[in-house]
C-alpha cells in the first residue's frame, strides 16, 4: 500500500480544489441560462395576458354589434 505523505495529500487537495472550481463555474453557467429562461417565460406570460385582453375587447365589441343589429336572441323570448 502506498505511503500517505503530505505531498500526496496536497496533490489530492489540489485536485479537489480544481474540481470544486469547475463545479462553481458550471453552476454559474446554469444560473445564467436559468435567468434567460425565466425572462422568456415572463415575456410569454405577458404575451398571453395581452392576447386575452385583446380577445375580451373583441368579445365586448362583438356583443355590442350583435345587440345593435338585433342578432342576439332575448333570454326572455318564448
PDB file of N, CA and C in Angstrom:
ATOM      1  N   UNK A   1       0.844  -1.182   0.000  1.00  0.00           N
ATOM      2  CA  UNK A   1       0.000   0.000   0.000  1.00  0.00           C
ATOM      3  C   UNK A   1       0.883   1.238   0.000  1.00  0.00           C
ATOM      4  N   UNK A   2       0.446   2.263  -0.752  1.00  0.00           N
ATOM      5  CA  UNK A   2       1.247   3.478  -0.877  1.00  0.00           C
ATOM      6  C   UNK A   2       1.256   4.230   0.444  1.00  0.00           C
ATOM      7  N   UNK A   3       2.372   4.828   0.679  1.00  0.00           N
ATOM      8  CA  UNK A   3       2.521   5.594   1.921  1.00  0.00           C
ATOM      9  C   UNK A   3       1.827   6.952   1.764  1.00  0.00           C
ATOM     10  N   UNK A   4       1.102   7.364   2.779  1.00  0.00           N
ATOM     11  CA  UNK A   4       0.412   8.650   2.755  1.00  0.00           C
ATOM     12  C   UNK A   4       1.395   9.706   3.235  1.00  0.00           C
ATOM     13  N   UNK A   5       1.674  10.635   2.327  1.00  0.00           N
ATOM     14  CA  UNK A   5       2.607  11.712   2.669  1.00  0.00           C
ATOM     15  C   UNK A   5       1.892  13.040   2.524  1.00  0.00           C
ATOM     16  N   UNK A   6       2.549  14.048   3.023  1.00  0.00           N
ATOM     17  CA  UNK A   6       1.978  15.399   2.900  1.00  0.00           C
ATOM     18  C   UNK A   6       1.860  15.807   1.437  1.00  0.00           C
ATOM     19  N   UNK A   7       2.822  15.385   0.613  1.00  0.00           N
ATOM     20  CA  UNK A   7       2.778  15.718  -0.806  1.00  0.00           C
ATOM     21  C   UNK A   7       1.580  15.058  -1.487  1.00  0.00           C
ATOM     22  N   UNK A   8       1.326  13.799  -1.131  1.00  0.00           N
ATOM     23  CA  UNK A   8       0.176  13.095  -1.703  1.00  0.00           C
ATOM     24  C   UNK A   8      -1.125  13.765  -1.291  1.00  0.00           C
ATOM     25  N   UNK A   9      -1.239  14.108  -0.020  1.00  0.00           N
ATOM     26  CA  UNK A   9      -2.437  14.802   0.472  1.00  0.00           C
ATOM     27  C   UNK A   9      -2.591  16.141  -0.235  1.00  0.00           C
ATOM     28  N   UNK A  10      -1.473  16.855  -0.420  1.00  0.00           N
ATOM     29  CA  UNK A  10      -1.502  18.145  -1.082  1.00  0.00           C
ATOM     30  C   UNK A  10      -1.994  18.001  -2.527  1.00  0.00           C
ATOM     31  N   UNK A  11      -1.525  16.993  -3.248  1.00  0.00           N
ATOM     32  CA  UNK A  11      -1.943  16.769  -4.624  1.00  0.00           C
ATOM     33  C   UNK A  11      -3.428  16.432  -4.701  1.00  0.00           C
ATOM     34  N   UNK A  12      -3.902  15.599  -3.768  1.00  0.00           N
ATOM     35  CA  UNK A  12      -5.327  15.254  -3.755  1.00  0.00           C
ATOM     36  C   UNK A  12      -6.164  16.498  -3.463  1.00  0.00           C
ATOM     37  N   UNK A  13      -5.743  17.300  -2.521  1.00  0.00           N
ATOM     38  CA  UNK A  13      -6.475  18.526  -2.183  1.00  0.00           C
ATOM     39  C   UNK A  13      -6.484  19.508  -3.365  1.00  0.00           C
ATOM     40  N   UNK A  14      -5.367  19.594  -4.108  1.00  0.00           N
ATOM     41  CA  UNK A  14      -5.343  20.457  -5.292  1.00  0.00           C
ATOM     42  C   UNK A  14      -6.339  19.965  -6.342  1.00  0.00           C
ATOM     43  N   UNK A  15      -6.426  18.649  -6.516  1.00  0.00           N
ATOM     44  CA  UNK A  15      -7.380  18.093  -7.480  1.00  0.00           C
ATOM     45  C   UNK A  15      -8.816  18.376  -7.046  1.00  0.00           C
ATOM     46  N   UNK A  16      -9.076  18.229  -5.760  1.00  0.00           N
ATOM     47  CA  UNK A  16     -10.420  18.530  -5.235  1.00  0.00           C
ATOM     48  C   UNK A  16     -10.737  20.003  -5.428  1.00  0.00           C
ATOM     49  N   UNK A  17      -9.763  20.864  -5.156  1.00  0.00           N
ATOM     50  CA  UNK A  17      -9.973  22.302  -5.315  1.00  0.00           C
ATOM     51  C   UNK A  17     -10.269  22.641  -6.787  1.00  0.00           C
ATOM     52  N   UNK A  18      -9.566  21.999  -7.707  1.00  0.00           N
ATOM     53  CA  UNK A  18      -9.796  22.227  -9.142  1.00  0.00           C
ATOM     54  C   UNK A  18     -11.204  21.763  -9.533  1.00  0.00           C
ATOM     55  N   UNK A  19     -11.619  20.611  -9.016  1.00  0.00           N
ATOM     56  CA  UNK A  19     -12.971  20.099  -9.315  1.00  0.00           C
ATOM     57  C   UNK A  19     -14.047  21.031  -8.764  1.00  0.00           C
ATOM     58  N   UNK A  20     -13.834  21.547  -7.574  1.00  0.00           N
ATOM     59  CA  UNK A  20     -14.803  22.475  -6.976  1.00  0.00           C
ATOM     60  C   UNK A  20     -14.888  23.753  -7.806  1.00  0.00           C
ATOM     61  N   UNK A  21     -13.765  24.237  -8.276  1.00  0.00           N
ATOM     62  CA  UNK A  21     -13.762  25.453  -9.102  1.00  0.00           C
ATOM     63  C   UNK A  21     -14.524  25.207 -10.401  1.00  0.00           C
ATOM     64  N   UNK A  22     -14.321  24.045 -11.031  1.00  0.00           N
ATOM     65  CA  UNK A  22     -15.055  23.721 -12.255  1.00  0.00           C
ATOM     66  C   UNK A  22     -16.547  23.610 -11.983  1.00  0.00           C
ATOM     67  N   UNK A  23     -16.900  23.017 -10.842  1.00  0.00           N
ATOM     68  CA  UNK A  23     -18.307  22.887 -10.478  1.00  0.00           C
ATOM     69  C   UNK A  23     -18.937  24.257 -10.264  1.00  0.00           C
ATOM     70  N   UNK A  24     -18.218  25.142  -9.612  1.00  0.00           N
ATOM     71  CA  UNK A  24     -18.729  26.511  -9.412  1.00  0.00           C
ATOM     72  C   UNK A  24     -18.970  27.193 -10.749  1.00  0.00           C
ATOM     73  N   UNK A  25     -18.043  27.006 -11.671  1.00  0.00           N
ATOM     74  CA  UNK A  25     -18.185  27.623 -12.991  1.00  0.00           C
ATOM     75  C   UNK A  25     -19.413  27.057 -13.704  1.00  0.00           C
ATOM     76  N   UNK A  26     -19.589  25.755 -13.630  1.00  0.00           N
ATOM     77  CA  UNK A  26     -20.741  25.121 -14.272  1.00  0.00           C
ATOM     78  C   UNK A  26     -22.051  25.610 -13.659  1.00  0.00           C
ATOM     79  N   UNK A  27     -22.093  25.712 -12.356  1.00  0.00           N
ATOM     80  CA  UNK A  27     -23.296  26.198 -11.674  1.00  0.00           C
ATOM     81  C   UNK A  27     -23.589  27.636 -12.087  1.00  0.00           C
ATOM     82  N   UNK A  28     -22.533  28.415 -12.224  1.00  0.00           N
ATOM     83  CA  UNK A  28     -22.712  29.801 -12.654  1.00  0.00           C
ATOM     84  C   UNK A  28     -23.326  29.863 -14.051  1.00  0.00           C
ATOM     85  N   UNK A  29     -22.860  28.996 -14.961  1.00  0.00           N
ATOM     86  CA  UNK A  29     -23.427  28.961 -16.307  1.00  0.00           C
ATOM     87  C   UNK A  29     -24.892  28.540 -16.276  1.00  0.00           C
ATOM     88  N   UNK A  30     -25.213  27.568 -15.442  1.00  0.00           N
ATOM     89  CA  UNK A  30     -26.603  27.111 -15.330  1.00  0.00           C
ATOM     90  C   UNK A  30     -27.487  28.240 -14.808  1.00  0.00           C
ATOM     91  N   UNK A  31     -26.975  29.016 -13.854  1.00  0.00           N
ATOM     92  CA  UNK A  31     -27.752  30.141 -13.329  1.00  0.00           C
ATOM     93  C   UNK A  31     -28.048  31.164 -14.416  1.00  0.00           C
ATOM     94  N   UNK A  32     -27.068  31.441 -15.249  1.00  0.00           N
ATOM     95  CA  UNK A  32     -27.260  32.404 -16.335  1.00  0.00           C
ATOM     96  C   UNK A  32     -28.331  31.892 -17.296  1.00  0.00           C
ATOM     97  N   UNK A  33     -28.240  30.610 -17.659  1.00  0.00           N
ATOM     98  CA  UNK A  33     -29.235  30.041 -18.564  1.00  0.00           C
ATOM     99  C   UNK A  33     -30.623  30.031 -17.932  1.00  0.00           C
ATOM    100  N   UNK A  34     -30.698  29.740 -16.643  1.00  0.00           N
ATOM    101  CA  UNK A  34     -31.985  29.728 -15.947  1.00  0.00           C
ATOM    102  C   UNK A  34     -32.598  31.127 -15.920  1.00  0.00           C
ATOM    103  N   UNK A  35     -31.786  32.128 -15.686  1.00  0.00           N
ATOM    104  CA  UNK A  35     -32.301  33.504 -15.700  1.00  0.00           C
ATOM    105  C   UNK A  35     -32.810  33.886 -17.086  1.00  0.00           C
ATOM    106  N   UNK A  36     -32.127  33.423 -18.138  1.00  0.00           N
ATOM    107  CA  UNK A  36     -32.592  33.702 -19.502  1.00  0.00           C
ATOM    108  C   UNK A  36     -33.936  33.019 -19.738  1.00  0.00           C
ATOM    109  N   UNK A  37     -34.058  31.775 -19.297  1.00  0.00           N
ATOM    110  CA  UNK A  37     -35.328  31.061 -19.456  1.00  0.00           C
ATOM    111  C   UNK A  37     -36.434  31.739 -18.669  1.00  0.00           C
ATOM    112  N   UNK A  38     -36.123  32.214 -17.477  1.00  0.00           N
ATOM    113  CA  UNK A  38     -37.115  32.919 -16.663  1.00  0.00           C
ATOM    114  C   UNK A  38     -37.596  34.175 -17.389  1.00  0.00           C
ATOM    115  N   UNK A  39     -36.674  34.885 -18.013  1.00  0.00           N
ATOM    116  CA  UNK A  39     -37.049  36.077 -18.769  1.00  0.00           C
ATOM    117  C   UNK A  39     -37.976  35.749 -19.930  1.00  0.00           C
ATOM    118  N   UNK A  40     -37.682  34.665 -20.630  1.00  0.00           N
ATOM    119  CA  UNK A  40     -38.542  34.256 -21.745  1.00  0.00           C
ATOM    120  C   UNK A  40     -39.922  33.829 -21.243  1.00  0.00           C
ATOM    121  N   UNK A  41     -39.955  33.149 -20.125  1.00  0.00           N
ATOM    122  CA  UNK A  41     -41.235  32.711 -19.565  1.00  0.00           C
ATOM    123  C   UNK A  41     -42.093  33.911 -19.169  1.00  0.00           C
ATOM    124  N   UNK A  42     -41.478  34.890 -18.558  1.00  0.00           N
ATOM    125  CA  UNK A  42     -42.218  36.099 -18.168  1.00  0.00           C
ATOM    126  C   UNK A  42     -42.744  36.809 -19.407  1.00  0.00           C
ATOM    127  N   UNK A  43     -41.925  36.875 -20.456  1.00  0.00           N
ATOM    128  CA  UNK A  43     -42.370  37.516 -21.696  1.00  0.00           C
ATOM    129  C   UNK A  43     -43.547  36.764 -22.304  1.00  0.00           C
ATOM    130  N   UNK A  44     -43.499  35.426 -22.284  1.00  0.00           N
ATOM    131  CA  UNK A  44     -44.614  34.636 -22.821  1.00  0.00           C
ATOM    132  C   UNK A  44     -45.877  34.840 -22.000  1.00  0.00           C
ATOM    133  N   UNK A  45     -45.742  34.922 -20.682  1.00  0.00           N
ATOM    134  CA  UNK A  45     -46.910  35.154 -19.838  1.00  0.00           C
ATOM    135  C   UNK A  45     -47.532  36.513 -20.145  1.00  0.00           C
ATOM    136  N   UNK A  46     -46.700  37.512 -20.355  1.00  0.00           N
ATOM    137  CA  UNK A  46     -47.216  38.839 -20.696  1.00  0.00           C
ATOM    138  C   UNK A  46     -47.904  38.819 -22.059  1.00  0.00           C
ATOM    139  N   UNK A  47     -47.321  38.094 -23.012  1.00  0.00           N
ATOM    140  CA  UNK A  47     -47.949  37.984 -24.336  1.00  0.00           C
ATOM    141  C   UNK A  47     -49.317  37.316 -24.232  1.00  0.00           C
ATOM    142  N   UNK A  48     -49.397  36.244 -23.468  1.00  0.00           N
ATOM    143  CA  UNK A  48     -50.678  35.544 -23.295  1.00  0.00           C
ATOM    144  C   UNK A  48     -51.693  36.458 -22.622  1.00  0.00           C
ATOM    145  N   UNK A  49     -51.255  37.200 -21.629  1.00  0.00           N
ATOM    146  CA  UNK A  49     -52.163  38.153 -20.966  1.00  0.00           C
ATOM    147  C   UNK A  49     -52.671  39.187 -21.968  1.00  0.00           C
ATOM    148  N   UNK A  50     -51.790  39.683 -22.812  1.00  0.00           N
ATOM    149  CA  UNK A  50     -52.200  40.666 -23.816  1.00  0.00           C
ATOM    150  C   UNK A  50     -53.183  40.064 -24.816  1.00  0.00           C
ATOM    151  N   UNK A  51     -52.973  38.813 -25.192  1.00  0.00           N
ATOM    152  CA  UNK A  51     -53.896  38.140 -26.109  1.00  0.00           C
ATOM    153  C   UNK A  51     -55.274  38.020 -25.478  1.00  0.00           C
ATOM    154  N   UNK A  52     -55.323  37.609 -24.207  1.00  0.00           N
ATOM    155  CA  UNK A  52     -56.615  37.503 -23.526  1.00  0.00           C
ATOM    156  C   UNK A  52     -57.307  38.860 -23.429  1.00  0.00           C
ATOM    157  N   UNK A  53     -56.545  39.906 -23.168  1.00  0.00           N
ATOM    158  CA  UNK A  53     -57.140  41.245 -23.093  1.00  0.00           C
ATOM    159  C   UNK A  53     -57.719  41.640 -24.444  1.00  0.00           C
ATOM    160  N   UNK A  54     -57.006  41.356 -25.512  1.00  0.00           N
ATOM    161  CA  UNK A  54     -57.491  41.674 -26.852  1.00  0.00           C
ATOM    162  C   UNK A  54     -58.754  40.873 -27.173  1.00  0.00           C
ATOM    163  N   UNK A  55     -58.750  39.588 -26.839  1.00  0.00           N
ATOM    164  CA  UNK A  55     -59.935  38.765 -27.075  1.00  0.00           C
ATOM    165  C   UNK A  55     -61.136  39.278 -26.294  1.00  0.00           C
ATOM    166  N   UNK A  56     -60.914  39.708 -25.087  1.00  0.00           N
ATOM    167  CA  UNK A  56     -62.007  40.247 -24.271  1.00  0.00           C
ATOM    168  C   UNK A  56     -62.578  41.504 -24.909  1.00  0.00           C
ATOM    169  N   UNK A  57     -61.696  42.393 -25.367  1.00  0.00           N
ATOM    170  CA  UNK A  57     -62.174  43.618 -26.036  1.00  0.00           C
ATOM    171  C   UNK A  57     -62.971  43.270 -27.288  1.00  0.00           C
ATOM    172  N   UNK A  58     -62.500  42.304 -28.077  1.00  0.00           N
ATOM    173  CA  UNK A  58     -63.217  41.900 -29.286  1.00  0.00           C
ATOM    174  C   UNK A  58     -64.576  41.297 -28.936  1.00  0.00           C
ATOM    175  N   UNK A  59     -64.616  40.515 -27.872  1.00  0.00           N
ATOM    176  CA  UNK A  59     -65.881  39.904 -27.459  1.00  0.00           C
ATOM    177  C   UNK A  59     -66.891  40.979 -27.060  1.00  0.00           C
ATOM    178  N   UNK A  60     -66.440  41.979 -26.334  1.00  0.00           N
ATOM    179  CA  UNK A  60     -67.328  43.064 -25.914  1.00  0.00           C
ATOM    180  C   UNK A  60     -67.837  43.813 -27.140  1.00  0.00           C
ATOM    181  N   UNK A  61     -66.941  44.097 -28.080  1.00  0.00           N
ATOM    182  CA  UNK A  61     -67.362  44.810 -29.291  1.00  0.00           C
ATOM    183  C   UNK A  61     -68.348  43.981 -30.111  1.00  0.00           C
ATOM    184  N   UNK A  62     -68.080  42.677 -30.231  1.00  0.00           N
ATOM    185  CA  UNK A  62     -68.971  41.807 -30.983  1.00  0.00           C
ATOM    186  C   UNK A  62     -70.347  41.738 -30.326  1.00  0.00           C
ATOM    187  N   UNK A  63     -70.383  41.640 -29.012  1.00  0.00           N
ATOM    188  CA  UNK A  63     -71.667  41.638 -28.302  1.00  0.00           C
ATOM    189  C   UNK A  63     -72.436  42.923 -28.567  1.00  0.00           C
ATOM    190  N   UNK A  64     -71.734  44.041 -28.542  1.00  0.00           N
ATOM    191  CA  UNK A  64     -72.378  45.327 -28.793  1.00  0.00           C
ATOM    192  C   UNK A  64     -72.927  45.391 -30.227  1.00  0.00           C
ATOM    193  N   UNK A  65     -72.152  44.904 -31.189  1.00  0.00           N
ATOM    194  CA  UNK A  65     -72.614  44.891 -32.588  1.00  0.00           C
ATOM    195  C   UNK A  65     -73.836  43.995 -32.740  1.00  0.00           C
ATOM    196  N   UNK A  66     -73.805  42.821 -32.137  1.00  0.00           N
ATOM    197  CA  UNK A  66     -74.952  41.913 -32.228  1.00  0.00           C
ATOM    198  C   UNK A  66     -76.208  42.532 -31.619  1.00  0.00           C
ATOM    199  N   UNK A  67     -76.044  43.204 -30.488  1.00  0.00           N
ATOM    200  CA  UNK A  67     -77.218  43.853 -29.877  1.00  0.00           C
ATOM    201  C   UNK A  67     -77.738  44.972 -30.767  1.00  0.00           C
ATOM    202  N   UNK A  68     -76.837  45.730 -31.342  1.00  0.00           N
ATOM    203  CA  UNK A  68     -77.239  46.844 -32.194  1.00  0.00           C
ATOM    204  C   UNK A  68     -77.975  46.353 -33.440  1.00  0.00           C
ATOM    205  N   UNK A  69     -77.527  45.224 -33.984  1.00  0.00           N
ATOM    206  CA  UNK A  69     -78.164  44.675 -35.185  1.00  0.00           C
ATOM    207  C   UNK A  69     -79.303  43.716 -34.841  1.00  0.00           C
ATOM    208  N   UNK A  70     -79.542  43.579 -33.563  1.00  0.00           N
ATOM    209  CA  UNK A  70     -80.589  42.697 -33.055  1.00  0.00           C
ATOM    210  C   UNK A  70     -80.401  41.264 -33.560  1.00  0.00           C
ATOM    211  N   UNK A  71     -79.177  40.789 -33.476  1.00  0.00           N
ATOM    212  CA  UNK A  71     -78.857  39.425 -33.908  1.00  0.00           C
ATOM    213  C   UNK A  71     -78.896  38.432 -32.753  1.00  0.00           C
ATOM    214  N   UNK A  72     -78.971  38.923 -31.556  1.00  0.00           N
ATOM    215  CA  UNK A  72     -78.989  38.025 -30.407  1.00  0.00           C
ATOM    216  C   UNK A  72     -80.427  37.753 -30.006  1.00  0.00           C
ATOM    217  N   UNK A  73     -80.619  36.550 -29.502  1.00  0.00           N
ATOM    218  CA  UNK A  73     -81.963  36.198 -29.019  1.00  0.00           C
ATOM    219  C   UNK A  73     -82.116  36.696 -27.590  1.00  0.00           C
ATOM    220  N   UNK A  74     -83.269  37.210 -27.323  1.00  0.00           N
ATOM    221  CA  UNK A  74     -83.549  37.686 -25.984  1.00  0.00           C
ATOM    222  C   UNK A  74     -83.714  36.495 -25.047  1.00  0.00           C
ATOM    223  N   UNK A  75     -83.149  36.541 -23.864  1.00  0.00           N
ATOM    224  CA  UNK A  75     -83.299  35.419 -22.944  1.00  0.00           C
ATOM    225  C   UNK A  75     -84.739  35.277 -22.459  1.00  0.00           C
ATOM    226  N   UNK A  76     -85.583  36.307 -22.689  1.00  0.00           N
ATOM    227  CA  UNK A  76     -86.990  36.272 -22.237  1.00  0.00           C
ATOM    228  C   UNK A  76     -87.945  35.900 -23.358  1.00  0.00           C
ATOM    229  N   UNK A  77     -87.410  35.611 -24.552  1.00  0.00           N
ATOM    230  CA  UNK A  77     -88.303  35.263 -25.684  1.00  0.00           C
ATOM    231  C   UNK A  77     -88.906  33.896 -25.468  1.00  0.00           C
ATOM    232  N   UNK A  78     -90.176  33.713 -25.873  1.00  0.00           N
ATOM    233  CA  UNK A  78     -90.856  32.418 -25.686  1.00  0.00           C
ATOM    234  C   UNK A  78     -90.356  31.346 -26.620  1.00  0.00           C
TER     235      UNK A  78
END
